[in-house]
Protein backbone atom coordinates (compact mmCIF):
# COMPACT_ATOMS: atom_id res chain seq x y z
CA UNK A 1 0.29 0.05 0.15
CA UNK A 2 1.92 3.24 -1.20
CA UNK A 3 2.18 5.79 1.51
CA UNK A 4 0.01 8.35 -1.28
CA UNK A 5 -3.34 6.20 -0.49
CA UNK A 6 -2.89 6.19 3.13
CA UNK A 7 -2.03 10.00 3.25
CA UNK A 8 -5.35 10.42 0.94
CA UNK A 9 -7.51 8.16 3.06
CA UNK A 10 -6.50 10.08 6.44
CA UNK A 11 -7.51 13.61 4.88
CA UNK A 12 -10.60 12.31 3.66
CA UNK A 13 -11.70 10.83 7.01
CA UNK A 14 -10.32 13.95 8.72
CA UNK A 15 -12.36 15.61 6.54
CA UNK A 16 -15.33 13.41 6.95
CA UNK A 17 -15.22 14.07 10.91
CA UNK A 18 -14.56 17.87 10.67
CA UNK A 19 -18.02 17.72 8.35
CA UNK A 20 -19.83 15.29 11.28
CA UNK A 21 -18.71 17.91 13.90
CA UNK A 22 -20.23 20.76 11.83
CA UNK A 23 -23.48 18.91 11.12
CA UNK A 24 -23.45 17.85 15.07
CA UNK A 25 -23.25 21.44 15.92
CA UNK A 26 -25.83 22.68 13.57
CA UNK A 27 -28.26 20.19 14.75
CA UNK A 28 -27.72 20.72 18.63
CA UNK A 29 -27.71 24.66 17.87
CA UNK A 30 -31.34 24.33 16.23
CA UNK A 31 -32.86 22.01 18.73
CA UNK A 32 -31.50 24.25 21.64
CA UNK A 33 -33.61 26.87 19.58
CA UNK A 34 -36.71 24.62 19.17
CA UNK A 35 -36.49 24.21 22.91
CA UNK A 36 -36.20 27.56 23.76
CA UNK A 37 -39.48 28.07 21.65
CA UNK A 38 -41.41 25.17 23.16
CA UNK A 39 -41.02 26.88 26.25
CA UNK A 40 -41.83 30.29 24.98
CA UNK A 41 -45.19 28.22 23.59
CA UNK A 42 -45.70 26.71 26.88
CA UNK A 43 -45.67 29.98 28.95
CA UNK A 44 -48.01 31.53 26.56
CA UNK A 45 -50.56 28.68 26.83
CA UNK A 46 -49.94 28.81 30.59
CA UNK A 47 -50.77 32.46 30.57
CA UNK A 48 -53.60 31.98 28.53
CA UNK A 49 -55.18 29.27 30.88
CA UNK A 50 -54.60 30.62 34.08
CA UNK A 51 -56.03 33.82 33.32
CA UNK A 52 -59.09 33.76 31.60
CA UNK A 53 -62.71 35.87 31.77
CA UNK A 54 -66.20 35.25 30.54
CA UNK A 55 -68.74 38.02 29.54
CA UNK A 56 -71.53 36.13 31.05
CA UNK A 57 -74.49 39.23 30.00
CA UNK A 58 -74.76 42.85 28.93
CA UNK A 59 -77.50 45.01 29.97
CA UNK A 60 -78.21 48.54 27.71
CA UNK A 61 -80.81 50.26 26.38
CA UNK A 62 -80.95 51.75 22.72
CA UNK A 63 -80.40 55.75 23.13
CA UNK A 64 -78.51 55.40 26.44
CA UNK A 65 -74.77 55.99 26.97
CA UNK A 66 -74.76 53.27 29.84
CA UNK A 67 -74.21 49.80 29.83
CA UNK A 68 -73.85 47.10 32.62
CA UNK A 69 -71.68 44.16 32.10
CA UNK A 70 -71.15 41.03 33.97
CA UNK A 71 -68.17 38.99 33.88
CA UNK A 72 -66.68 35.89 35.52
CA UNK A 73 -63.39 34.91 35.98
CA UNK A 74 -63.00 31.72 34.68
CA UNK A 75 -59.16 30.96 35.01
CA UNK A 76 -57.13 29.44 37.49
CA UNK A 77 -55.37 32.38 38.70
CA UNK A 78 -56.75 35.34 40.96
CA UNK A 79 -56.20 39.02 39.46
CA UNK A 80 -55.52 41.85 41.75
CA UNK A 81 -58.23 44.53 42.17
CA UNK A 82 -55.38 46.98 41.89
CA UNK A 83 -54.38 45.70 37.72
CA UNK A 84 -57.81 46.02 36.72
CA UNK A 85 -57.33 49.53 35.82
CA UNK A 86 -54.95 48.65 33.31
CA UNK A 87 -57.57 46.24 31.70
CA UNK A 88 -59.51 47.75 28.15
CA UNK A 89 -63.52 47.45 27.27
CA UNK A 90 -63.79 47.46 23.56
CA UNK A 91 -67.29 48.14 22.04
CA UNK A 92 -67.50 47.22 18.34
CA UNK A 93 -70.63 48.08 16.34
CA UNK A 94 -71.99 49.04 13.21
CA UNK A 95 -69.89 52.07 12.25
CA UNK A 96 -68.74 52.71 15.97
CA UNK A 97 -65.76 51.84 17.87
CA UNK A 98 -65.40 52.55 21.46
CA UNK A 99 -62.41 51.99 23.18
CA UNK A 100 -63.48 52.20 27.25
CA UNK A 101 -60.10 52.37 29.68
CA UNK A 102 -60.29 52.44 33.07
CA UNK A 103 -61.44 55.62 33.75
CA UNK A 104 -64.69 54.75 31.50
CA UNK A 105 -65.87 51.96 33.40
CA UNK A 106 -66.50 51.26 37.19
CA UNK A 107 -66.50 47.85 38.69
CA UNK A 108 -68.01 46.20 42.09
CA UNK A 109 -66.81 42.60 42.99
CA UNK A 110 -69.99 40.64 43.46
CA UNK A 111 -69.34 37.63 45.44
CA UNK A 112 -65.56 38.12 46.98
CA UNK A 113 -65.69 35.12 48.94
CA UNK A 114 -62.66 35.78 50.97
CA UNK A 115 -62.53 39.80 51.07
CA UNK A 116 -58.71 39.51 49.92
CA UNK A 117 -59.00 42.04 46.90
CA UNK A 118 -58.54 39.87 44.30
CA UNK A 119 -61.04 38.63 41.26
CA UNK A 120 -60.68 35.15 42.31
CA UNK A 121 -62.06 32.32 39.90
CA UNK A 122 -65.42 32.13 40.12
CA UNK A 123 -65.89 35.46 41.08
CA UNK A 124 -68.32 37.82 38.93
CA UNK A 125 -67.43 41.56 38.37
CA UNK A 126 -69.99 43.90 37.52
CA UNK A 127 -69.38 46.86 35.43
CA UNK A 128 -71.25 50.03 34.59
CA UNK A 129 -69.14 51.18 31.31
CA UNK A 130 -70.01 54.74 30.08
CA UNK A 131 -70.01 55.05 26.44
CA UNK A 132 -69.34 58.47 24.76
CA UNK A 133 -72.37 58.99 22.75
CA UNK A 134 -75.76 57.27 22.97
CA UNK A 135 -75.64 53.52 21.69
CA UNK A 136 -78.35 52.85 18.55
CA UNK A 137 -80.25 49.66 17.96
CA UNK A 138 -78.32 46.90 16.12
CA UNK A 139 -75.47 44.41 16.55
CA UNK A 140 -72.54 44.65 19.17
CA UNK A 141 -69.05 42.87 19.77
CA UNK A 142 -67.82 43.82 23.54
CA UNK A 143 -64.36 42.60 24.20
CA UNK A 144 -62.80 42.50 27.91
CA UNK A 145 -59.20 42.53 27.81
CA UNK A 146 -57.22 41.94 30.87
CA UNK A 147 -54.11 43.89 31.91
CA UNK A 148 -52.33 40.60 30.66
CA UNK A 149 -53.60 40.41 26.99
CA UNK A 150 -56.13 37.44 28.00
CA UNK A 151 -59.43 38.71 26.47
CA UNK A 152 -63.13 37.60 26.46
CA UNK A 153 -66.32 38.46 23.64
CA UNK A 154 -69.78 38.41 23.67
CA UNK A 155 -71.92 39.60 20.83
CA UNK A 156 -75.30 41.13 21.66
CA UNK A 157 -77.90 43.24 20.21
CA UNK A 158 -79.64 46.40 21.81
């Protein structure tokens, strides 16, 4: 066996090892990114599960500027009442869109069982909202968005 063939096989072997190491490094790097993406997705789903609400009912009259809204905490985590003012209330109907921020509505916690100043799971809020102009007859959608982005929606008619 001539020395040139041994040298050629050694060079090809070293090149194959270098290519395999580069591919393994790229694979491990991509796996690390996939793990980070998966943990981020789990945190997102966790937030959506822990913080959920449901609009139970909306009461109002055509021609009025007031709405009364009942919202239940159907998530797994309590929400401090001090953070409710950071929530948004959006009313969409026909050609009208209203963004009602915390100063446009007042809330009352109807069934605070443990008096802990938190909106606990299973407890209901009553919101009294003031809209900028009188509401006409028609179909509306109400969207309540919590301070952390979790939202609940309800379509109703006046």
